[in-house]
Amino acid sequence: AAGRGLAPVWAATTYACPRCATRVATVPCDCPVCDLPLVAAPHLARSYHHLFPAPAYVDVAAEAGSACFGCRAAAAPDETRFRCPECRSVFCADCDDFVHTALHNCPGCVGGRRSAS
């Protein structure tokens, strides 16, 4: 609209660039003055798991009588399990996949389990 001789229309809410104090009508965008990427807190919250992904789990042999920390399924004797290097919780292959593709957080780490070593 501004390019046709009309004044720009501002929304009721505007956002200020923390670097140069320029006001913008919407986020996410780049500041038109200093090129700082501007985002709102909800945008950061939705992308948090990309900044701090769950650690890669280590392959371990299943122990007799052990259960998956995620689904509590008993391990078969020849089944490979996956251990979180942070909290040392052991997961089956399905739960390992679910943690890394959907949850993006280790349930053992989030629940406060930490390794004693």
N, C-alpha and C. Protein backbone atom coordinates (compact mmCIF):
# COMPACT_ATOMS: atom_id res chain seq x y z
N ALA A 1 0.82 -1.19 0.00
CA ALA A 1 0.00 0.00 0.00
C ALA A 1 0.86 1.25 0.00
N ALA A 2 1.99 1.21 0.71
CA ALA A 2 2.84 2.39 0.80
C ALA A 2 3.45 2.75 -0.55
N GLY A 3 3.67 1.77 -1.42
CA GLY A 3 4.27 2.02 -2.72
C GLY A 3 3.34 2.78 -3.65
N ARG A 4 2.04 2.82 -3.39
CA ARG A 4 1.08 3.51 -4.25
C ARG A 4 0.70 4.87 -3.68
N GLY A 5 1.53 5.43 -2.83
CA GLY A 5 1.25 6.74 -2.29
C GLY A 5 0.39 6.72 -1.04
N LEU A 6 0.05 5.55 -0.56
CA LEU A 6 -0.76 5.45 0.65
C LEU A 6 0.16 5.26 1.86
N ALA A 7 -0.27 5.75 2.98
CA ALA A 7 0.51 5.58 4.21
C ALA A 7 0.43 4.13 4.66
N PRO A 8 1.52 3.60 5.26
CA PRO A 8 1.48 2.22 5.74
C PRO A 8 0.46 2.07 6.86
N VAL A 9 -0.18 0.93 6.89
CA VAL A 9 -1.16 0.65 7.92
C VAL A 9 -0.48 -0.17 9.02
N TRP A 10 -0.54 0.32 10.25
CA TRP A 10 0.09 -0.37 11.37
C TRP A 10 -0.94 -1.14 12.15
N ALA A 11 -0.55 -2.29 12.61
CA ALA A 11 -1.41 -3.12 13.44
C ALA A 11 -1.47 -2.51 14.84
N ALA A 12 -2.42 -2.96 15.63
CA ALA A 12 -2.54 -2.47 17.01
C ALA A 12 -1.30 -2.81 17.82
N THR A 13 -0.64 -3.92 17.49
CA THR A 13 0.57 -4.32 18.19
C THR A 13 1.75 -4.20 17.24
N THR A 14 2.82 -3.61 17.72
CA THR A 14 4.06 -3.55 16.95
C THR A 14 5.17 -4.14 17.81
N TYR A 15 6.26 -4.50 17.17
CA TYR A 15 7.39 -5.11 17.84
C TYR A 15 8.62 -4.24 17.61
N ALA A 16 9.41 -4.04 18.66
CA ALA A 16 10.60 -3.20 18.57
C ALA A 16 11.84 -4.07 18.45
N CYS A 17 12.72 -3.70 17.57
CA CYS A 17 14.01 -4.37 17.43
C CYS A 17 14.84 -4.05 18.68
N PRO A 18 15.39 -5.05 19.35
CA PRO A 18 16.17 -4.76 20.55
C PRO A 18 17.51 -4.08 20.27
N ARG A 19 17.99 -4.16 19.04
CA ARG A 19 19.27 -3.54 18.71
C ARG A 19 19.11 -2.06 18.35
N CYS A 20 18.14 -1.74 17.48
CA CYS A 20 18.06 -0.37 16.98
C CYS A 20 16.73 0.32 17.28
N ALA A 21 15.80 -0.37 17.94
CA ALA A 21 14.49 0.16 18.34
C ALA A 21 13.55 0.47 17.19
N THR A 22 13.85 0.01 15.99
CA THR A 22 12.93 0.17 14.87
C THR A 22 11.69 -0.67 15.13
N ARG A 23 10.53 -0.13 14.80
CA ARG A 23 9.27 -0.84 15.00
C ARG A 23 8.91 -1.60 13.73
N VAL A 24 8.42 -2.85 13.91
CA VAL A 24 7.91 -3.65 12.81
C VAL A 24 6.51 -4.12 13.16
N ALA A 25 5.71 -4.40 12.16
CA ALA A 25 4.31 -4.77 12.38
C ALA A 25 4.13 -6.25 12.68
N THR A 26 4.97 -7.10 12.11
CA THR A 26 4.81 -8.54 12.31
C THR A 26 6.16 -9.20 12.52
N VAL A 27 6.14 -10.31 13.17
CA VAL A 27 7.31 -11.17 13.31
C VAL A 27 6.88 -12.58 12.97
N PRO A 28 7.70 -13.46 12.50
CA PRO A 28 9.13 -13.31 12.30
C PRO A 28 9.46 -12.53 11.03
N CYS A 29 10.54 -11.77 11.13
CA CYS A 29 11.06 -11.01 9.99
C CYS A 29 12.46 -10.54 10.34
N ASP A 30 13.13 -9.94 9.39
CA ASP A 30 14.42 -9.30 9.65
C ASP A 30 14.17 -7.82 9.85
N CYS A 31 14.90 -7.23 10.79
CA CYS A 31 14.76 -5.79 11.00
C CYS A 31 15.14 -5.07 9.72
N PRO A 32 14.31 -4.14 9.24
CA PRO A 32 14.63 -3.45 7.99
C PRO A 32 15.81 -2.50 8.10
N VAL A 33 16.23 -2.15 9.31
CA VAL A 33 17.35 -1.22 9.49
C VAL A 33 18.67 -1.96 9.72
N CYS A 34 18.67 -2.90 10.70
CA CYS A 34 19.94 -3.55 11.06
C CYS A 34 20.02 -5.03 10.69
N ASP A 35 19.01 -5.58 10.04
CA ASP A 35 18.97 -6.97 9.58
C ASP A 35 19.01 -8.02 10.69
N LEU A 36 18.72 -7.65 11.93
CA LEU A 36 18.64 -8.62 13.01
C LEU A 36 17.38 -9.46 12.84
N PRO A 37 17.49 -10.79 12.89
CA PRO A 37 16.28 -11.62 12.81
C PRO A 37 15.40 -11.38 14.04
N LEU A 38 14.14 -11.07 13.82
CA LEU A 38 13.21 -10.80 14.91
C LEU A 38 12.19 -11.93 15.00
N VAL A 39 12.03 -12.49 16.19
CA VAL A 39 11.06 -13.55 16.43
C VAL A 39 10.39 -13.32 17.77
N ALA A 40 9.22 -13.90 17.94
CA ALA A 40 8.49 -13.82 19.20
C ALA A 40 8.81 -15.05 20.05
N ALA A 41 8.54 -14.98 21.33
CA ALA A 41 8.83 -16.09 22.24
C ALA A 41 8.16 -17.39 21.81
N PRO A 42 6.91 -17.39 21.34
CA PRO A 42 6.32 -18.66 20.90
C PRO A 42 7.07 -19.31 19.73
N HIS A 43 7.66 -18.50 18.85
CA HIS A 43 8.45 -19.06 17.75
C HIS A 43 9.69 -19.76 18.29
N LEU A 44 10.34 -19.15 19.28
CA LEU A 44 11.51 -19.78 19.88
C LEU A 44 11.14 -21.06 20.60
N ALA A 45 10.02 -21.06 21.30
CA ALA A 45 9.59 -22.25 22.02
C ALA A 45 9.33 -23.41 21.07
N ARG A 46 8.74 -23.12 19.92
CA ARG A 46 8.46 -24.19 18.96
C ARG A 46 9.73 -24.73 18.30
N SER A 47 10.79 -23.95 18.25
CA SER A 47 12.02 -24.40 17.60
C SER A 47 13.09 -24.81 18.60
N TYR A 48 12.77 -24.84 19.89
CA TYR A 48 13.74 -25.15 20.93
C TYR A 48 14.41 -26.50 20.70
N HIS A 49 13.63 -27.52 20.32
CA HIS A 49 14.20 -28.86 20.15
C HIS A 49 15.22 -28.91 19.02
N HIS A 50 15.18 -27.99 18.08
CA HIS A 50 16.18 -27.96 17.02
C HIS A 50 17.50 -27.38 17.54
N LEU A 51 17.41 -26.52 18.55
CA LEU A 51 18.61 -25.92 19.12
C LEU A 51 19.33 -26.87 20.07
N PHE A 52 18.56 -27.67 20.82
CA PHE A 52 19.11 -28.59 21.80
C PHE A 52 18.48 -29.98 21.63
N PRO A 53 18.91 -30.75 20.62
CA PRO A 53 18.29 -32.06 20.37
C PRO A 53 18.64 -33.07 21.45
N ALA A 54 17.84 -34.14 21.52
CA ALA A 54 18.13 -35.23 22.44
C ALA A 54 19.45 -35.87 22.04
N PRO A 55 20.26 -36.31 23.01
CA PRO A 55 21.55 -36.91 22.66
C PRO A 55 21.36 -38.22 21.90
N ALA A 56 22.31 -38.57 21.07
CA ALA A 56 22.26 -39.84 20.35
C ALA A 56 22.44 -40.97 21.36
N TYR A 57 21.60 -41.98 21.26
CA TYR A 57 21.67 -43.10 22.19
C TYR A 57 22.73 -44.09 21.73
N VAL A 58 23.27 -44.84 22.70
CA VAL A 58 24.32 -45.82 22.45
C VAL A 58 23.69 -47.21 22.38
N ASP A 59 24.09 -48.01 21.38
CA ASP A 59 23.59 -49.39 21.26
C ASP A 59 24.14 -50.22 22.42
N VAL A 60 23.25 -50.99 23.06
CA VAL A 60 23.66 -51.91 24.13
C VAL A 60 22.90 -53.21 23.95
N ALA A 61 23.47 -54.29 24.47
CA ALA A 61 22.79 -55.59 24.43
C ALA A 61 21.71 -55.59 25.51
N ALA A 62 20.59 -56.19 25.20
CA ALA A 62 19.48 -56.26 26.16
C ALA A 62 19.86 -57.20 27.30
N GLU A 63 19.56 -56.78 28.52
CA GLU A 63 19.81 -57.61 29.69
C GLU A 63 18.55 -58.40 30.01
N ALA A 64 18.73 -59.60 30.51
CA ALA A 64 17.59 -60.45 30.86
C ALA A 64 16.73 -59.77 31.91
N GLY A 65 15.42 -59.74 31.65
CA GLY A 65 14.49 -59.14 32.60
C GLY A 65 14.41 -57.63 32.55
N SER A 66 15.18 -57.00 31.67
CA SER A 66 15.14 -55.54 31.59
C SER A 66 13.93 -55.09 30.77
N ALA A 67 13.43 -53.91 31.08
CA ALA A 67 12.28 -53.36 30.36
C ALA A 67 12.65 -52.00 29.78
N CYS A 68 12.00 -51.66 28.69
CA CYS A 68 12.20 -50.35 28.06
C CYS A 68 11.71 -49.26 29.01
N PHE A 69 12.50 -48.22 29.16
CA PHE A 69 12.11 -47.11 30.04
C PHE A 69 10.88 -46.39 29.50
N GLY A 70 10.70 -46.37 28.18
CA GLY A 70 9.57 -45.66 27.58
C GLY A 70 8.27 -46.42 27.61
N CYS A 71 8.26 -47.64 27.11
CA CYS A 71 7.00 -48.40 26.97
C CYS A 71 6.90 -49.57 27.94
N ARG A 72 7.95 -49.83 28.68
CA ARG A 72 7.99 -50.91 29.68
C ARG A 72 7.92 -52.31 29.07
N ALA A 73 8.16 -52.43 27.75
CA ALA A 73 8.16 -53.75 27.10
C ALA A 73 9.42 -54.51 27.51
N ALA A 74 9.25 -55.80 27.80
CA ALA A 74 10.39 -56.65 28.16
C ALA A 74 11.27 -56.87 26.94
N ALA A 75 12.57 -56.98 27.18
CA ALA A 75 13.51 -57.17 26.08
C ALA A 75 13.65 -58.64 25.73
N ALA A 76 13.71 -58.93 24.44
CA ALA A 76 14.03 -60.28 23.97
C ALA A 76 15.54 -60.48 24.14
N PRO A 77 15.99 -61.73 24.33
CA PRO A 77 17.42 -61.98 24.60
C PRO A 77 18.37 -61.45 23.53
N ASP A 78 17.97 -61.49 22.26
CA ASP A 78 18.87 -61.06 21.18
C ASP A 78 18.57 -59.65 20.68
N GLU A 79 17.75 -58.92 21.38
CA GLU A 79 17.31 -57.59 20.94
C GLU A 79 18.34 -56.52 21.33
N THR A 80 18.55 -55.58 20.42
CA THR A 80 19.42 -54.44 20.72
C THR A 80 18.60 -53.36 21.39
N ARG A 81 19.13 -52.80 22.41
CA ARG A 81 18.50 -51.68 23.12
C ARG A 81 19.39 -50.45 22.98
N PHE A 82 18.87 -49.32 23.38
CA PHE A 82 19.58 -48.05 23.21
C PHE A 82 19.59 -47.30 24.54
N ARG A 83 20.77 -46.87 24.98
CA ARG A 83 20.94 -46.22 26.27
C ARG A 83 21.25 -44.73 26.07
N CYS A 84 20.56 -43.92 26.84
CA CYS A 84 20.84 -42.48 26.84
C CYS A 84 22.16 -42.25 27.57
N PRO A 85 23.09 -41.52 26.98
CA PRO A 85 24.38 -41.29 27.64
C PRO A 85 24.27 -40.34 28.85
N GLU A 86 23.19 -39.59 28.93
CA GLU A 86 23.03 -38.63 30.04
C GLU A 86 22.43 -39.29 31.28
N CYS A 87 21.26 -39.90 31.14
CA CYS A 87 20.55 -40.46 32.29
C CYS A 87 20.70 -41.98 32.39
N ARG A 88 21.25 -42.61 31.36
CA ARG A 88 21.50 -44.04 31.29
C ARG A 88 20.22 -44.88 31.24
N SER A 89 19.08 -44.28 30.89
CA SER A 89 17.84 -45.02 30.69
C SER A 89 17.97 -45.83 29.40
N VAL A 90 17.38 -47.03 29.39
CA VAL A 90 17.48 -47.93 28.24
C VAL A 90 16.13 -47.99 27.53
N PHE A 91 16.16 -47.88 26.19
CA PHE A 91 14.96 -47.82 25.37
C PHE A 91 14.99 -48.88 24.28
N CYS A 92 13.79 -49.34 23.86
CA CYS A 92 13.69 -50.23 22.70
C CYS A 92 13.85 -49.40 21.43
N ALA A 93 13.93 -50.06 20.28
CA ALA A 93 14.13 -49.35 19.01
C ALA A 93 12.97 -48.42 18.68
N ASP A 94 11.73 -48.87 18.96
CA ASP A 94 10.57 -48.02 18.66
C ASP A 94 10.58 -46.75 19.50
N CYS A 95 10.88 -46.89 20.79
CA CYS A 95 10.91 -45.71 21.66
C CYS A 95 12.08 -44.79 21.34
N ASP A 96 13.22 -45.38 20.95
CA ASP A 96 14.37 -44.57 20.52
C ASP A 96 13.98 -43.71 19.32
N ASP A 97 13.31 -44.32 18.36
CA ASP A 97 12.85 -43.58 17.18
C ASP A 97 11.85 -42.49 17.57
N PHE A 98 10.91 -42.81 18.45
CA PHE A 98 9.91 -41.85 18.89
C PHE A 98 10.54 -40.66 19.62
N VAL A 99 11.51 -40.93 20.49
CA VAL A 99 12.19 -39.87 21.23
C VAL A 99 12.89 -38.90 20.27
N HIS A 100 13.58 -39.45 19.27
CA HIS A 100 14.38 -38.60 18.39
C HIS A 100 13.60 -37.95 17.25
N THR A 101 12.43 -38.48 16.89
CA THR A 101 11.67 -37.89 15.78
C THR A 101 10.46 -37.08 16.24
N ALA A 102 9.89 -37.40 17.39
CA ALA A 102 8.67 -36.71 17.82
C ALA A 102 8.85 -35.93 19.12
N LEU A 103 9.39 -36.57 20.15
CA LEU A 103 9.52 -35.90 21.45
C LEU A 103 10.63 -34.87 21.48
N HIS A 104 11.78 -35.23 20.92
CA HIS A 104 12.98 -34.38 20.89
C HIS A 104 13.57 -34.13 22.28
N ASN A 105 13.10 -34.87 23.28
CA ASN A 105 13.64 -34.81 24.64
C ASN A 105 13.65 -36.22 25.20
N CYS A 106 14.67 -36.57 25.95
CA CYS A 106 14.74 -37.89 26.57
C CYS A 106 13.83 -37.88 27.80
N PRO A 107 12.87 -38.83 27.89
CA PRO A 107 11.99 -38.87 29.06
C PRO A 107 12.74 -39.08 30.37
N GLY A 108 13.82 -39.85 30.34
CA GLY A 108 14.62 -40.06 31.55
C GLY A 108 15.30 -38.78 32.01
N CYS A 109 15.84 -38.02 31.08
CA CYS A 109 16.49 -36.75 31.42
C CYS A 109 15.48 -35.72 31.90
N VAL A 110 14.34 -35.64 31.22
CA VAL A 110 13.31 -34.68 31.60
C VAL A 110 12.73 -35.02 32.97
N GLY A 111 12.63 -36.33 33.25
CA GLY A 111 12.08 -36.78 34.53
C GLY A 111 13.04 -36.66 35.69
N GLY A 112 14.24 -36.20 35.45
CA GLY A 112 15.19 -35.98 36.52
C GLY A 112 16.15 -37.12 36.79
N ARG A 113 16.11 -38.18 35.98
CA ARG A 113 17.08 -39.27 36.17
C ARG A 113 18.42 -38.82 35.64
N ARG A 114 19.43 -38.93 36.45
CA ARG A 114 20.80 -38.60 36.02
C ARG A 114 21.73 -39.74 36.40
N SER A 115 22.74 -39.92 35.60
CA SER A 115 23.71 -40.98 35.85
C SER A 115 24.48 -40.69 37.12
N ALA A 116 24.78 -41.75 37.88
CA ALA A 116 25.58 -41.60 39.09
C ALA A 116 27.05 -41.45 38.75
N SER A 117 27.47 -41.85 37.55
CA SER A 117 28.88 -41.75 37.16
C SER A 117 29.18 -40.47 36.45
